[in-house]
Each structure stands twice: as C-alpha cells, then as structure tokens.
Amino acid sequence: MTYVQLAACFLVLAAVGGVVLTLASRRRGPSPLAVLLTIIVLFLLTAVFDTVMIASGLFHYAQDPLLGLHIGLAPIEDFAYPLAGALLLPALWAAMRARRRTQDRRSPDQLEES
C-alpha cells in the first residue's frame, strides 16, 4: 500500500464522517470559513514541524511509495491527515453542540414532570 492510498482511506472516512455528523447536527455544521482557516493553519504547522522533524532525523520515509512532491521536507501525503482532521473534528464538534442543545431543551420538561 502506498502512502497515497493510506491517506485516501483517511480522507474518505473523514469526509463521510463529516457529512454524517453535519446531518446529525441538523445541518448546523461548522462554518466553511472556519474549516478553511483551520486547514490553512494546520497545513502551515504540518509543513514547518514535519520539515523540522525530518531534518533532525526523527523519522524518514521510504521513497518508493511516495509521489515525490514535497513542501519543505514534508511529503505531500502528510497533508492528508491534517485535512482529514479539519474536515472531521469541526463536524463532530457541531454534532455534539446540537446534541447538547437538544438535551438542554428537554431538561426543563423532565424537571417539571418529576
């Protein structure tokens, strides 16, 4: 399995999970601008810190399964993981907020019944 195939698996799971969670949150998903800003920041951090870690010898990649494109020393495949996180985690947060709002609305009714 190449790094691209592995990264694609993570991206597909994150995208499907993000859509499901957004629907579960009654379509009050995360702001697209917030997701875009998150992606930009995570990509910058990934480029900087992966380059530092690779340059210092903390880890290395076998060259055969890589596409060969790099940002700094970081292979382009490494950017799939922050992208997956930026797609999935805000949707999870929105779904959890929607669930909490639903529970908060039910709480006063349940107290009155007791």
C-alpha atoms as a PDB file:
ATOM      1  CA  MET A   1       0.000   0.000   0.000  1.00  0.00           C
ATOM      2  CA  THR A   2       1.360   3.410  -0.907  1.00  0.00           C
ATOM      3  CA  TYR A   3       1.168   6.483   1.296  1.00  0.00           C
ATOM      4  CA  VAL A   4      -1.365   7.989  -1.126  1.00  0.00           C
ATOM      5  CA  GLN A   5      -3.678   5.000  -0.761  1.00  0.00           C
ATOM      6  CA  LEU A   6      -3.432   5.138   3.009  1.00  0.00           C
ATOM      7  CA  ALA A   7      -4.058   8.892   3.018  1.00  0.00           C
ATOM      8  CA  ALA A   8      -7.031   8.440   0.675  1.00  0.00           C
ATOM      9  CA  CYS A   9      -8.588   5.976   3.128  1.00  0.00           C
ATOM     10  CA  PHE A  10      -8.318   8.528   5.929  1.00  0.00           C
ATOM     11  CA  LEU A  11      -9.735  11.309   3.747  1.00  0.00           C
ATOM     12  CA  VAL A  12     -12.709   9.244   2.596  1.00  0.00           C
ATOM     13  CA  LEU A  13     -13.528   8.215   6.172  1.00  0.00           C
ATOM     14  CA  ALA A  14     -13.178  11.812   7.382  1.00  0.00           C
ATOM     15  CA  ALA A  15     -15.347  13.196   4.572  1.00  0.00           C
ATOM     16  CA  VAL A  16     -18.086  10.603   5.105  1.00  0.00           C
ATOM     17  CA  GLY A  17     -17.916  11.107   8.866  1.00  0.00           C
ATOM     18  CA  GLY A  18     -18.064  14.877   8.424  1.00  0.00           C
ATOM     19  CA  VAL A  19     -21.161  14.647   6.227  1.00  0.00           C
ATOM     20  CA  VAL A  20     -22.908  12.200   8.578  1.00  0.00           C
ATOM     21  CA  LEU A  21     -22.108  14.332  11.622  1.00  0.00           C
ATOM     22  CA  THR A  22     -23.232  17.515   9.874  1.00  0.00           C
ATOM     23  CA  LEU A  23     -26.547  15.865   9.016  1.00  0.00           C
ATOM     24  CA  ALA A  24     -26.815  14.617  12.600  1.00  0.00           C
ATOM     25  CA  SER A  25     -26.385  18.156  13.840  1.00  0.00           C
ATOM     26  CA  ARG A  26     -29.477  19.153  11.891  1.00  0.00           C
ATOM     27  CA  ARG A  27     -27.475  20.825   9.166  1.00  0.00           C
ATOM     28  CA  ARG A  28     -25.908  23.286  11.554  1.00  0.00           C
ATOM     29  CA  GLY A  29     -22.457  22.166  10.585  1.00  0.00           C
ATOM     30  CA  PRO A  30     -19.254  24.077  11.049  1.00  0.00           C
ATOM     31  CA  SER A  31     -18.704  27.363   9.276  1.00  0.00           C
ATOM     32  CA  PRO A  32     -16.941  26.804   5.933  1.00  0.00           C
ATOM     33  CA  LEU A  33     -14.697  29.792   6.627  1.00  0.00           C
ATOM     34  CA  ALA A  34     -13.665  28.330   9.978  1.00  0.00           C
ATOM     35  CA  VAL A  35     -12.877  24.996   8.336  1.00  0.00           C
ATOM     36  CA  LEU A  36     -10.842  26.729   5.610  1.00  0.00           C
ATOM     37  CA  LEU A  37      -8.861  28.732   8.165  1.00  0.00           C
ATOM     38  CA  THR A  38      -8.267  25.570  10.176  1.00  0.00           C
ATOM     39  CA  ILE A  39      -6.959  23.788   7.082  1.00  0.00           C
ATOM     40  CA  ILE A  40      -4.586  26.655   6.276  1.00  0.00           C
ATOM     41  CA  VAL A  41      -3.203  26.801   9.813  1.00  0.00           C
ATOM     42  CA  LEU A  42      -2.823  23.015  10.063  1.00  0.00           C
ATOM     43  CA  PHE A  43      -1.077  22.869   6.682  1.00  0.00           C
ATOM     44  CA  LEU A  44       1.378  25.572   7.748  1.00  0.00           C
ATOM     45  CA  LEU A  45       2.072  23.799  11.024  1.00  0.00           C
ATOM     46  CA  THR A  46       2.484  20.467   9.251  1.00  0.00           C
ATOM     47  CA  ALA A  47       4.918  21.954   6.728  1.00  0.00           C
ATOM     48  CA  VAL A  48       7.033  23.567   9.424  1.00  0.00           C
ATOM     49  CA  PHE A  49       7.078  20.832  12.038  1.00  0.00           C
ATOM     50  CA  ASP A  50       7.360  17.891   9.634  1.00  0.00           C
ATOM     51  CA  THR A  51      10.287  19.608   7.956  1.00  0.00           C
ATOM     52  CA  VAL A  52      11.983  20.174  11.315  1.00  0.00           C
ATOM     53  CA  MET A  53      11.376  16.593  12.464  1.00  0.00           C
ATOM     54  CA  ILE A  54      12.556  15.075   9.178  1.00  0.00           C
ATOM     55  CA  ALA A  55      15.623  17.360   9.073  1.00  0.00           C
ATOM     56  CA  SER A  56      16.554  16.394  12.632  1.00  0.00           C
ATOM     57  CA  GLY A  57      16.320  12.702  11.767  1.00  0.00           C
ATOM     58  CA  LEU A  58      13.369  11.814  13.998  1.00  0.00           C
ATOM     59  CA  PHE A  59      11.835   9.852  11.131  1.00  0.00           C
ATOM     60  CA  HIS A  60      12.132   9.308   7.411  1.00  0.00           C
ATOM     61  CA  TYR A  61      10.018   7.943   4.594  1.00  0.00           C
ATOM     62  CA  ALA A  62      10.769   5.180   2.146  1.00  0.00           C
ATOM     63  CA  GLN A  63      10.929   6.928  -1.216  1.00  0.00           C
ATOM     64  CA  ASP A  64       9.276   4.242  -3.353  1.00  0.00           C
ATOM     65  CA  PRO A  65       5.703   4.597  -2.004  1.00  0.00           C
ATOM     66  CA  LEU A  66       5.822   8.439  -2.151  1.00  0.00           C
ATOM     67  CA  LEU A  67       4.572  10.589  -5.018  1.00  0.00           C
ATOM     68  CA  GLY A  68       7.735  12.660  -4.850  1.00  0.00           C
ATOM     69  CA  LEU A  69       6.101  16.029  -4.201  1.00  0.00           C
ATOM     70  CA  HIS A  70       7.297  17.803  -1.063  1.00  0.00           C
ATOM     71  CA  ILE A  71       6.548  21.003   0.794  1.00  0.00           C
ATOM     72  CA  GLY A  72       9.770  21.699   2.592  1.00  0.00           C
ATOM     73  CA  LEU A  73      10.897  18.198   3.505  1.00  0.00           C
ATOM     74  CA  ALA A  74       7.330  17.006   4.185  1.00  0.00           C
ATOM     75  CA  PRO A  75       5.869  14.711   1.533  1.00  0.00           C
ATOM     76  CA  ILE A  76       2.565  15.898   0.124  1.00  0.00           C
ATOM     77  CA  GLU A  77       0.886  12.760   1.507  1.00  0.00           C
ATOM     78  CA  ASP A  78       1.469  14.018   5.056  1.00  0.00           C
ATOM     79  CA  PHE A  79      -1.005  16.823   4.472  1.00  0.00           C
ATOM     80  CA  ALA A  80      -3.918  14.395   4.162  1.00  0.00           C
ATOM     81  CA  TYR A  81      -4.018  13.845   7.925  1.00  0.00           C
ATOM     82  CA  PRO A  82      -4.491  17.481   8.972  1.00  0.00           C
ATOM     83  CA  LEU A  83      -7.024  17.819   6.147  1.00  0.00           C
ATOM     84  CA  ALA A  84      -8.938  14.805   7.482  1.00  0.00           C
ATOM     85  CA  GLY A  85      -8.864  16.281  10.979  1.00  0.00           C
ATOM     86  CA  ALA A  86     -10.055  19.671   9.738  1.00  0.00           C
ATOM     87  CA  LEU A  87     -12.984  18.008   7.957  1.00  0.00           C
ATOM     88  CA  LEU A  88     -13.996  15.617  10.705  1.00  0.00           C
ATOM     89  CA  LEU A  89     -13.394  17.381  14.016  1.00  0.00           C
ATOM     90  CA  PRO A  90     -15.429  20.580  13.404  1.00  0.00           C
ATOM     91  CA  ALA A  91     -18.348  18.436  12.227  1.00  0.00           C
ATOM     92  CA  LEU A  92     -18.029  16.325  15.369  1.00  0.00           C
ATOM     93  CA  TRP A  93     -17.998  19.484  17.479  1.00  0.00           C
ATOM     94  CA  ALA A  94     -21.128  20.820  15.734  1.00  0.00           C
ATOM     95  CA  ALA A  95     -22.933  17.498  16.228  1.00  0.00           C
ATOM     96  CA  MET A  96     -22.037  17.453  19.909  1.00  0.00           C
ATOM     97  CA  ARG A  97     -23.258  21.054  20.332  1.00  0.00           C
ATOM     98  CA  ALA A  98     -26.539  20.207  18.595  1.00  0.00           C
ATOM     99  CA  ARG A  99     -26.991  17.186  20.849  1.00  0.00           C
ATOM    100  CA  ARG A 100     -26.311  19.273  23.934  1.00  0.00           C
ATOM    101  CA  ARG A 101     -28.838  21.922  22.819  1.00  0.00           C
ATOM    102  CA  THR A 102     -31.423  19.167  22.368  1.00  0.00           C
ATOM    103  CA  GLN A 103     -30.697  17.795  25.837  1.00  0.00           C
ATOM    104  CA  ASP A 104     -30.827  21.284  27.371  1.00  0.00           C
ATOM    105  CA  ARG A 105     -34.267  21.862  25.829  1.00  0.00           C
ATOM    106  CA  ARG A 106     -35.539  18.589  27.260  1.00  0.00           C
ATOM    107  CA  SER A 107     -34.148  19.141  30.747  1.00  0.00           C
ATOM    108  CA  PRO A 108     -36.748  21.693  31.977  1.00  0.00           C
ATOM    109  CA  ASP A 109     -39.590  19.478  30.756  1.00  0.00           C
ATOM    110  CA  GLN A 110     -38.161  16.493  32.575  1.00  0.00           C
ATOM    111  CA  LEU A 111     -37.818  18.511  35.788  1.00  0.00           C
ATOM    112  CA  GLU A 112     -41.467  19.598  35.646  1.00  0.00           C
ATOM    113  CA  GLU A 113     -42.635  16.003  35.285  1.00  0.00           C
ATOM    114  CA  SER A 114     -40.796  14.902  38.434  1.00  0.00           C
END
